[in-house]
Structures are given as C-alpha cells and as structure tokens.
Amino acid sequence: MNATVTAIELFPLRIPRDEPYLGPLEEANRPNEKGYIVRPGNRTVYPVFDQTLLVKVVASDGTVGWGECFGVVAPQIAKTVLEELLIPFVIGRSPHDVERIYEDLYDLQRVRGHFGGYALDAIAGLDMALWDLRGKLLNQPVWQLLGGLRHERLAVYVSGLPGGTKEERAALGKGWIDRGFSALKFAAVVADEGEVAEIKAIRSDVGPTPKILADLHWRYTALEAVRLIERLSEFDLYLAEAPVAPEDLAGQAQVARSVKTRIGLGEEWRTVHEYLPRLQARCMDVIQPEMAHTGITGFRRICELAQAFHCQVMPHATINIGIAQAASLHVAATLANFAMHEYQHTIFDRNKQYIRSTMDCRDGYFSLPEGTGLGAEPTEEVLSFVINED
C-alpha cells in the first residue's frame, strides 16, 4: 500500500497492415507522405496502418502497470503532452490515488489546453495504467476494484464488413451469424451504393433475426438523417449511430425525437461535461464511450451518469493492441446498463497476438481477461514497432 510511482515510459507504435481500416481504398484515394488517407464518405483522416501509444507505469516495488492512449492519428502528440506536462505531476504519487490524479491532471489543462482532444487522450492512457498497477498491487482484477462483476461474459456486435462490394459485405455478415454472433454493424462511409442498398443486401443474407446497426459517420443534417433512418427502419434497423455532426446538439435531439429507432452517440466525447447536455436534451438512447478517450475513471463516471438518464451503454472499440479493449471490458462487466460491446474484428483479431491475455471473442461474446489488474500486457515483439522519431 506504500508503493509510489517512480517511472513512466511511453511507446508510440505503428503496426503495418495489408488493408486499411474499413476496407479497400476508394479509386484514386492514396495515402499522403505521413501514411494518412481521408475517407471521402465522411471527410475523416485515417492511417493505412494501426497506431497507438502505450503507457508503462513503474512502482517503487518494481510492479508495472500498462495503459493505452487513443493514438489512431499522430500518437506522438499525446506522448508530448504526457512528457512535457503531465508525467512530472505523477511521479512520486500513490497509484491508489488514481481518481484524484485523474482530477488533478484534468484541472491542469482547464485553461492551458482543453477539456477534450489530445490532452484527455493522454490522461486516459495514464489513468488505465494506474488502475492496472493498483489492481496488481492489491492482487485484484480491476473489475473487483470497481465494485464487482455483473456480467461474466459480454455480448458483442460485429463491427465492420470490409468487402469490396455490398454483396461481399453481406456475405461476410452471414458468415459471422453462422459462427454464433447475433448483431452486425455496417459503415455508411464505405457503403458505395448507399445505406438502403447496404442494409437490404445484409438483411437478405442474414435473415430476419439478427440485429443490424448502422454507423452513419456524422454525414447528415438532422432532416436528412431522419428521412434516411425511416427508410432503414423498413429493414428493422436496430440502432443508428452518429447520424449528424458531433457538435450539432440541436440536430442530435431533433433526430432522436423524430425516429422510432435507437440512436447511439458518444465515441468522440471524453468527459461527463460533453455527455451531460446531450443526456438532458434526450439526444440518444445508447451511449458509446471510447475507453482510449476517457480512461477508466472517466468511462465509469460517464456510464453512471447515463444510468441516471436510463441510457444503455454499448462501448466503442478503437484501433489498439488490446490493452484499452481489456480496460473497456473490465468497466463494462460492472455496469447495470450495459447492452453490447463493439467487436472490431479486423483490429482485435490481428493485434491480440501482441498482448499476453486470455481475453477472447467467440460465439457472440467477449470473455473477460483473467488475472490481476487489467489482465493484459504487451509482448516484447510489439515493442519492435515503436515509431522512430529521429
């Protein structure tokens, strides 16, 4: 109980992949000199490789905790925030004060940075590492430290069907259903014949029972989104995610009150302060917090706030090697309002080789990682992908 933080190390990683996230590139879409592309469907930047930022916290007794920052784009930015601003305020402190440390680091940036963005991504990875360290010091899994287990396994939806045509994507969806999964999400950004044609093809292949979710990628005005969701509902759409721009609170509320389909929001928000006005305005039925944006402390507070507004939780899963995924499962397993977890199969399945963990996803469920702390640590092999900043 007397251990203190003596060192914090950072590892920005870049892992090659054969095909970019979300599937083949559009015609004439080529990466720039930094390896980034912009998907024309949502004008958002993506890398052609997997990137993340690992955080290693070492205690005075030699115990090590691991966390993972949101590092999809330019993980060096969060690394600089940690090195130049945050780490010096954590060295020498007790990992058992993890929630106090989260609040102190947040306060540091209130008028010097921002309540969102890269500053919160940096705090998130450090927060995860401190929770992992605390669990190991107490010989307990993180879910036990958060109040106990409600779900021994966690239902999932399969996220992304990266085929070149709608027929290929529909066939991929049927393959997942045949393997025991019961929910799928397609991405509007790569639905080249439109969302209605996409869901029609998927529903035709998978049959009437499986749940189909649609990620609309912030593409529409409120009126456009309402009209589209009404058409998608003819094919029993289970949830429409991110129908309008993330900053359009009024539009979010308009969509939610105008349709009879669940609305999911929240992967891009980092604090209760961004969620609260949207919960008050009844902008969504489901929240989708991203662990690598929030950290464990922020994630749990967001989910508890959502419970007061009778919102369900379907956590988002970003590009990472699996430490943030493990942290997300630990919190989700303790939630009364948990519904399903995103399963990014094109990321999780290829990158789980880079962590030591029993965490797995099969037959429609995530299994919780075993062991103390988060139950997930990077392998020595993955550290060979550290970005050379010289």
Protein backbone atom coordinates (compact mmCIF):
# COMPACT_ATOMS: atom_id res chain seq x y z
CA MET A 1 0.00 0.00 0.00
CA ASN A 2 3.03 2.31 0.32
CA ALA A 3 4.24 1.93 -3.27
CA THR A 4 4.65 5.11 -5.30
CA VAL A 5 5.11 5.84 -8.99
CA THR A 6 8.82 6.04 -9.79
CA ALA A 7 8.92 5.98 -13.60
CA ILE A 8 6.62 6.31 -16.62
CA GLU A 9 7.67 5.16 -20.10
CA LEU A 10 5.89 5.80 -23.40
CA PHE A 11 5.83 3.67 -26.57
CA PRO A 12 4.22 5.11 -29.72
CA LEU A 13 3.57 2.17 -32.06
CA ARG A 14 2.93 1.83 -35.80
CA ILE A 15 1.92 -1.67 -36.93
CA PRO A 16 1.69 -2.40 -40.68
CA ARG A 17 -1.50 -3.88 -42.09
CA ASP A 18 -2.28 -5.32 -45.53
CA GLU A 19 -5.57 -3.45 -45.95
CA PRO A 20 -6.59 -0.12 -44.36
CA TYR A 21 -9.23 0.00 -41.64
CA LEU A 22 -12.77 -0.09 -43.13
CA GLY A 23 -11.58 -1.98 -46.21
CA PRO A 24 -10.15 -1.26 -49.66
CA LEU A 25 -9.35 2.33 -50.60
CA GLU A 26 -11.61 4.21 -52.95
CA GLU A 27 -10.41 4.76 -56.52
CA ALA A 28 -7.69 7.44 -56.64
CA ASN A 29 -7.52 7.60 -52.81
CA ARG A 30 -3.83 7.38 -51.97
CA PRO A 31 -2.03 7.92 -48.64
CA ASN A 32 -0.02 11.10 -48.14
CA GLU A 33 3.65 11.14 -47.12
CA LYS A 34 2.69 10.52 -43.47
CA GLY A 35 0.62 7.45 -44.34
CA TYR A 36 -2.79 9.06 -43.82
CA ILE A 37 -5.87 8.98 -46.02
CA VAL A 38 -9.19 10.81 -45.94
CA ARG A 39 -12.29 8.71 -46.47
CA PRO A 40 -14.48 10.77 -48.83
CA GLY A 41 -17.62 9.37 -47.25
CA ASN A 42 -17.05 11.29 -44.00
CA ARG A 43 -14.00 13.51 -44.71
CA THR A 44 -12.20 11.97 -41.73
CA VAL A 45 -8.49 11.13 -41.55
CA TYR A 46 -7.38 7.53 -41.06
CA PRO A 47 -3.96 5.82 -41.17
CA VAL A 48 -3.13 2.97 -43.53
CA PHE A 49 -1.51 1.19 -40.56
CA ASP A 50 -2.51 0.66 -36.92
CA GLN A 51 -1.17 3.18 -34.41
CA THR A 52 -1.40 3.50 -30.64
CA LEU A 53 0.51 4.84 -27.64
CA LEU A 54 1.37 2.51 -24.76
CA VAL A 55 1.96 3.85 -21.24
CA LYS A 56 4.11 1.89 -18.78
CA VAL A 57 3.96 2.95 -15.12
CA VAL A 58 6.55 1.50 -12.73
CA ALA A 59 6.05 1.46 -8.95
CA SER A 60 8.73 1.72 -6.28
CA ASP A 61 8.47 -2.03 -5.58
CA GLY A 62 9.01 -2.85 -9.28
CA THR A 63 5.37 -3.62 -10.13
CA VAL A 64 4.36 -2.44 -13.61
CA GLY A 65 1.02 -1.16 -14.92
CA TRP A 66 0.09 -0.73 -18.58
CA GLY A 67 -2.33 1.62 -20.33
CA GLU A 68 -3.09 2.70 -23.88
CA CYS A 69 -3.87 6.17 -25.23
CA PHE A 70 -6.00 6.92 -28.25
CA GLY A 71 -3.30 7.11 -30.90
CA VAL A 72 -5.02 6.38 -34.20
CA VAL A 73 -3.66 9.64 -35.62
CA ALA A 74 -0.31 11.12 -34.56
CA PRO A 75 0.31 9.25 -31.28
CA GLN A 76 3.37 11.48 -30.82
CA ILE A 77 1.06 14.34 -29.80
CA ALA A 78 -0.31 12.58 -26.71
CA LYS A 79 3.24 11.42 -25.98
CA THR A 80 4.44 15.03 -25.92
CA VAL A 81 1.56 16.12 -23.68
CA LEU A 82 2.49 13.38 -21.21
CA GLU A 83 6.23 14.06 -21.28
CA GLU A 84 6.12 17.84 -21.16
CA LEU A 85 3.11 18.46 -18.91
CA LEU A 86 1.60 15.51 -17.08
CA ILE A 87 4.20 12.93 -16.05
CA PRO A 88 6.18 15.25 -13.73
CA PHE A 89 2.98 15.73 -11.68
CA VAL A 90 2.51 11.97 -11.25
CA ILE A 91 5.98 10.79 -10.25
CA GLY A 92 6.13 10.13 -6.51
CA ARG A 93 2.37 9.76 -6.08
CA SER A 94 0.47 6.70 -4.91
CA PRO A 95 -1.30 4.68 -7.63
CA HIS A 96 -4.11 4.15 -5.12
CA ASP A 97 -4.93 7.85 -5.61
CA VAL A 98 -5.76 7.20 -9.26
CA GLU A 99 -9.08 9.07 -9.28
CA ARG A 100 -7.55 12.07 -7.52
CA ILE A 101 -4.69 12.02 -10.03
CA TYR A 102 -7.21 11.98 -12.92
CA GLU A 103 -8.93 15.05 -11.48
CA ASP A 104 -5.66 16.87 -10.82
CA LEU A 105 -4.42 16.29 -14.37
CA TYR A 106 -7.76 17.40 -15.80
CA ASP A 107 -7.59 20.60 -13.76
CA LEU A 108 -4.08 21.33 -15.06
CA GLN A 109 -5.44 21.65 -18.60
CA ARG A 110 -8.64 23.58 -17.95
CA VAL A 111 -7.25 26.93 -19.12
CA ARG A 112 -3.95 25.73 -20.57
CA GLY A 113 -5.29 23.20 -23.02
CA HIS A 114 -8.84 21.93 -23.45
CA PHE A 115 -11.33 19.63 -21.77
CA GLY A 116 -11.12 17.28 -24.77
CA GLY A 117 -8.77 16.35 -27.56
CA TYR A 118 -5.24 15.05 -27.20
CA ALA A 119 -4.88 16.24 -23.59
CA LEU A 120 -7.68 13.92 -22.44
CA ASP A 121 -6.37 11.10 -24.63
CA ALA A 122 -3.04 11.42 -22.82
CA ILE A 123 -4.73 11.33 -19.41
CA ALA A 124 -6.81 8.31 -20.47
CA GLY A 125 -3.82 6.05 -21.14
CA LEU A 126 -2.09 7.08 -17.94
CA ASP A 127 -5.30 6.52 -15.95
CA MET A 128 -5.60 2.98 -17.34
CA ALA A 129 -2.01 2.20 -16.40
CA LEU A 130 -2.55 3.42 -12.85
CA TRP A 131 -5.68 1.26 -12.44
CA ASP A 132 -3.76 -1.73 -13.80
CA LEU A 133 -0.92 -1.04 -11.38
CA ARG A 134 -3.31 -0.61 -8.47
CA GLY A 135 -5.02 -3.92 -9.22
CA LYS A 136 -1.69 -5.73 -9.33
CA LEU A 137 -0.57 -4.17 -6.05
CA LEU A 138 -3.82 -5.28 -4.40
CA ASN A 139 -3.83 -8.68 -6.15
CA GLN A 140 -7.29 -7.95 -7.59
CA PRO A 141 -8.77 -7.60 -11.09
CA VAL A 142 -9.83 -4.06 -11.95
CA TRP A 143 -13.49 -5.07 -12.17
CA GLN A 144 -13.34 -6.01 -8.48
CA LEU A 145 -11.93 -2.59 -7.59
CA LEU A 146 -14.85 -1.00 -9.47
CA GLY A 147 -17.50 -2.66 -7.34
CA GLY A 148 -17.86 -6.23 -8.55
CA LEU A 149 -18.95 -8.32 -11.50
CA ARG A 150 -22.41 -8.09 -13.09
CA HIS A 151 -21.55 -9.85 -16.38
CA GLU A 152 -19.20 -12.82 -16.61
CA ARG A 153 -19.20 -12.53 -20.40
CA LEU A 154 -20.18 -9.60 -22.57
CA ALA A 155 -22.46 -9.70 -25.61
CA VAL A 156 -20.99 -8.09 -28.73
CA TYR A 157 -21.91 -6.76 -32.12
CA VAL A 158 -19.57 -7.43 -35.03
CA SER A 159 -18.32 -4.06 -36.30
CA GLY A 160 -17.38 -3.57 -39.93
CA LEU A 161 -17.78 -5.72 -43.01
CA PRO A 162 -14.74 -4.78 -45.13
CA GLY A 163 -15.63 -6.18 -48.53
CA GLY A 164 -15.27 -4.54 -51.93
CA THR A 165 -19.00 -4.73 -52.82
CA LYS A 166 -22.26 -4.82 -50.91
CA GLU A 167 -22.67 -8.48 -51.88
CA GLU A 168 -19.27 -9.33 -50.43
CA ARG A 169 -20.03 -7.39 -47.26
CA ALA A 170 -23.40 -9.09 -46.87
CA ALA A 171 -21.75 -12.49 -47.28
CA LEU A 172 -19.24 -11.58 -44.58
CA GLY A 173 -22.13 -10.65 -42.31
CA LYS A 174 -23.81 -14.00 -42.89
CA GLY A 175 -20.52 -15.71 -42.08
CA TRP A 176 -20.44 -14.06 -38.67
CA ILE A 177 -24.05 -15.02 -37.96
CA ASP A 178 -23.26 -18.61 -38.93
CA ARG A 179 -20.43 -18.51 -36.35
CA GLY A 180 -22.83 -17.77 -33.50
CA PHE A 181 -22.95 -13.97 -33.49
CA SER A 182 -26.28 -12.17 -33.38
CA ALA A 183 -25.59 -8.50 -34.22
CA LEU A 184 -23.71 -6.67 -37.01
CA LYS A 185 -22.82 -3.07 -37.80
CA PHE A 186 -22.11 -1.72 -41.27
CA ALA A 187 -20.26 1.50 -42.06
CA ALA A 188 -22.02 4.10 -44.18
CA VAL A 189 -18.68 5.60 -45.18
CA VAL A 190 -17.91 2.59 -47.39
CA ALA A 191 -21.49 1.73 -48.42
CA ASP A 192 -20.78 2.70 -52.02
CA GLU A 193 -24.35 2.10 -53.25
CA GLY A 194 -25.93 3.87 -50.28
CA GLU A 195 -27.12 2.77 -46.87
CA VAL A 196 -30.51 1.50 -48.01
CA ALA A 197 -28.97 -0.82 -50.60
CA GLU A 198 -26.42 -1.93 -47.99
CA ILE A 199 -28.91 -2.89 -45.30
CA LYS A 200 -31.20 -4.53 -47.86
CA ALA A 201 -28.37 -6.79 -49.00
CA ILE A 202 -27.31 -7.63 -45.44
CA ARG A 203 -30.86 -8.34 -44.27
CA SER A 204 -31.46 -10.57 -47.28
CA ASP A 205 -28.39 -12.67 -46.42
CA VAL A 206 -28.62 -12.84 -42.62
CA GLY A 207 -32.38 -13.27 -42.31
CA PRO A 208 -34.93 -11.57 -40.04
CA THR A 209 -33.49 -12.31 -36.59
CA PRO A 210 -30.00 -10.74 -36.29
CA LYS A 211 -29.67 -7.15 -35.16
CA ILE A 212 -28.30 -4.72 -37.74
CA LEU A 213 -26.68 -1.45 -36.67
CA ALA A 214 -25.61 1.37 -39.00
CA ASP A 215 -22.71 3.74 -38.36
CA LEU A 216 -23.72 6.89 -40.26
CA HIS A 217 -20.39 8.64 -39.54
CA TRP A 218 -21.77 12.14 -38.83
CA ARG A 219 -22.65 12.54 -42.53
CA TYR A 220 -26.08 14.15 -42.48
CA THR A 221 -28.16 17.12 -41.46
CA ALA A 222 -30.90 16.32 -38.96
CA LEU A 223 -33.65 16.26 -41.60
CA GLU A 224 -31.58 14.09 -43.94
CA ALA A 225 -30.81 11.70 -41.09
CA VAL A 226 -34.48 11.39 -40.07
CA ARG A 227 -35.53 10.57 -43.63
CA LEU A 228 -32.72 8.04 -44.04
CA ILE A 229 -33.36 6.30 -40.72
CA GLU A 230 -37.05 5.98 -41.58
CA ARG A 231 -36.08 4.15 -44.78
CA LEU A 232 -33.54 1.94 -42.98
CA SER A 233 -36.16 1.04 -40.36
CA GLU A 234 -38.09 -0.81 -43.07
CA PHE A 235 -35.33 -3.43 -42.75
CA ASP A 236 -35.58 -3.49 -38.94
CA LEU A 237 -32.58 -1.27 -38.17
CA TYR A 238 -31.61 -1.85 -34.55
CA LEU A 239 -29.52 1.29 -33.96
CA ALA A 240 -28.39 4.34 -35.93
CA GLU A 241 -25.00 5.62 -34.78
CA ALA A 242 -23.68 9.16 -35.22
CA PRO A 243 -26.29 10.45 -37.68
CA VAL A 244 -25.28 14.14 -37.54
CA ALA A 245 -22.17 16.17 -36.77
CA PRO A 246 -20.86 15.59 -33.22
CA GLU A 247 -21.10 19.30 -32.37
CA ASP A 248 -24.74 19.55 -33.55
CA LEU A 249 -26.53 19.07 -30.24
CA ALA A 250 -29.81 20.50 -31.52
CA GLY A 251 -29.67 18.24 -34.56
CA GLN A 252 -28.98 15.20 -32.39
CA ALA A 253 -32.03 15.97 -30.28
CA GLN A 254 -34.18 16.52 -33.38
CA VAL A 255 -33.23 13.15 -34.82
CA ALA A 256 -33.78 11.29 -31.55
CA ARG A 257 -37.29 12.66 -31.05
CA SER A 258 -38.27 12.17 -34.71
CA VAL A 259 -37.49 8.48 -35.24
CA LYS A 260 -38.54 5.20 -33.65
CA THR A 261 -35.07 3.65 -33.91
CA ARG A 262 -32.41 3.69 -31.18
CA ILE A 263 -29.84 6.45 -31.59
CA GLY A 264 -26.26 5.84 -30.41
CA LEU A 265 -23.77 8.65 -29.76
CA GLY A 266 -20.57 9.34 -27.93
CA GLU A 267 -17.41 7.69 -29.28
CA GLU A 268 -15.76 11.09 -29.81
CA TRP A 269 -16.61 12.62 -26.40
CA ARG A 270 -14.25 12.38 -23.46
CA THR A 271 -15.93 13.70 -20.30
CA VAL A 272 -19.21 13.85 -18.44
CA HIS A 273 -19.32 17.54 -19.38
CA GLU A 274 -19.83 16.65 -23.06
CA TYR A 275 -22.37 13.92 -22.28
CA LEU A 276 -24.49 15.82 -19.75
CA PRO A 277 -26.19 18.40 -22.04
CA ARG A 278 -26.94 15.67 -24.59
CA LEU A 279 -28.43 13.41 -21.95
CA GLN A 280 -30.52 16.31 -20.70
CA ALA A 281 -31.71 17.01 -24.25
CA ARG A 282 -32.50 13.30 -24.82
CA CYS A 283 -30.18 13.15 -27.84
CA MET A 284 -29.61 9.39 -27.65
CA ASP A 285 -30.92 6.11 -26.29
CA VAL A 286 -27.47 4.50 -26.18
CA ILE A 287 -24.07 5.93 -25.27
CA GLN A 288 -20.89 4.65 -26.93
CA PRO A 289 -17.93 5.80 -24.82
CA GLU A 290 -14.40 5.06 -26.03
CA MET A 291 -12.02 3.88 -23.30
CA ALA A 292 -8.93 5.30 -25.03
CA HIS A 293 -10.55 8.77 -24.91
CA THR A 294 -11.85 8.61 -21.34
CA GLY A 295 -9.67 6.32 -19.24
CA ILE A 296 -11.26 4.06 -16.67
CA THR A 297 -12.11 6.89 -14.29
CA GLY A 298 -13.86 8.99 -16.93
CA PHE A 299 -15.53 5.98 -18.55
CA ARG A 300 -17.13 4.82 -15.33
CA ARG A 301 -18.37 8.31 -14.45
CA ILE A 302 -19.92 8.73 -17.90
CA CYS A 303 -21.71 5.37 -17.65
CA GLU A 304 -23.05 6.11 -14.16
CA LEU A 305 -24.36 9.46 -15.39
CA ALA A 306 -26.06 7.73 -18.33
CA GLN A 307 -27.75 5.28 -15.97
CA ALA A 308 -29.49 8.20 -14.26
CA PHE A 309 -31.00 9.07 -17.66
CA HIS A 310 -31.95 5.43 -18.39
CA CYS A 311 -29.48 5.16 -21.27
CA GLN A 312 -27.86 1.89 -22.23
CA VAL A 313 -24.10 1.52 -22.80
CA MET A 314 -22.54 0.00 -25.92
CA PRO A 315 -18.84 0.81 -25.60
CA HIS A 316 -16.87 1.81 -28.67
CA ALA A 317 -13.67 -0.08 -29.55
CA THR A 318 -10.93 1.80 -31.36
CA ILE A 319 -7.71 0.79 -33.11
CA ASN A 320 -5.33 -0.54 -30.43
CA ILE A 321 -3.43 -3.67 -29.47
CA GLY A 322 -5.93 -4.69 -26.80
CA ILE A 323 -4.99 -3.04 -23.51
CA ALA A 324 -7.66 -0.36 -23.91
CA GLN A 325 -10.02 -3.14 -25.01
CA ALA A 326 -9.33 -5.04 -21.79
CA ALA A 327 -9.94 -1.90 -19.73
CA SER A 328 -13.25 -1.32 -21.51
CA LEU A 329 -14.38 -4.88 -20.75
CA HIS A 330 -13.47 -4.52 -17.07
CA VAL A 331 -15.72 -1.48 -16.66
CA ALA A 332 -18.50 -2.84 -18.89
CA ALA A 333 -18.65 -6.01 -16.78
CA THR A 334 -19.62 -3.93 -13.74
CA LEU A 335 -22.41 -1.88 -15.37
CA ALA A 336 -26.12 -2.36 -14.75
CA ASN A 337 -26.91 -0.55 -18.03
CA PHE A 338 -24.51 -2.49 -20.28
CA ALA A 339 -26.08 -3.81 -23.51
CA MET A 340 -23.40 -4.86 -26.03
CA HIS A 341 -19.75 -4.16 -26.74
CA GLU A 342 -18.30 -3.31 -30.13
CA TYR A 343 -16.12 -6.07 -31.57
CA GLN A 344 -13.67 -4.60 -34.10
CA HIS A 345 -12.69 -7.96 -35.52
CA THR A 346 -10.30 -6.58 -38.17
CA ILE A 347 -8.31 -4.96 -35.34
CA PHE A 348 -8.76 -7.21 -32.31
CA ASP A 349 -8.20 -10.49 -34.13
CA ARG A 350 -5.00 -9.37 -35.85
CA ASN A 351 -3.48 -7.48 -32.91
CA LYS A 352 -4.27 -9.83 -30.00
CA GLN A 353 -1.03 -11.65 -30.88
CA TYR A 354 0.77 -8.61 -29.44
CA ILE A 355 -0.63 -8.94 -25.90
CA ARG A 356 -0.44 -11.55 -23.19
CA SER A 357 -4.06 -12.07 -22.17
CA THR A 358 -6.82 -14.67 -22.00
CA MET A 359 -9.26 -12.12 -23.43
CA ASP A 360 -11.11 -13.52 -26.46
CA CYS A 361 -14.25 -13.08 -28.53
CA ARG A 362 -16.22 -16.03 -29.87
CA ASP A 363 -19.83 -17.23 -30.25
CA GLY A 364 -21.15 -13.69 -29.81
CA TYR A 365 -19.41 -12.82 -26.53
CA PHE A 366 -16.22 -11.28 -25.19
CA SER A 367 -14.61 -13.18 -22.34
CA LEU A 368 -13.05 -11.12 -19.56
CA PRO A 369 -9.26 -11.24 -19.27
CA GLU A 370 -8.09 -13.29 -16.30
CA GLY A 371 -5.55 -12.21 -13.71
CA THR A 372 -4.90 -9.17 -11.56
CA GLY A 373 -5.11 -5.61 -12.84
CA LEU A 374 -6.31 -5.49 -16.44
CA GLY A 375 -5.02 -8.94 -17.31
CA ALA A 376 -3.38 -7.65 -20.50
CA GLU A 377 0.26 -6.73 -21.14
CA PRO A 378 2.17 -6.09 -24.38
CA THR A 379 4.58 -8.68 -25.73
CA GLU A 380 8.21 -7.85 -26.35
CA GLU A 381 7.54 -8.32 -30.08
CA VAL A 382 5.11 -5.41 -30.33
CA LEU A 383 7.67 -3.01 -28.90
CA SER A 384 9.67 -3.54 -32.09
CA PHE A 385 7.02 -1.39 -33.80
CA VAL A 386 7.95 1.74 -31.81
CA ILE A 387 7.92 4.76 -34.11
CA ASN A 388 11.42 6.07 -34.78
CA GLU A 389 11.19 9.81 -34.14
CA ASP A 390 14.75 10.64 -35.22
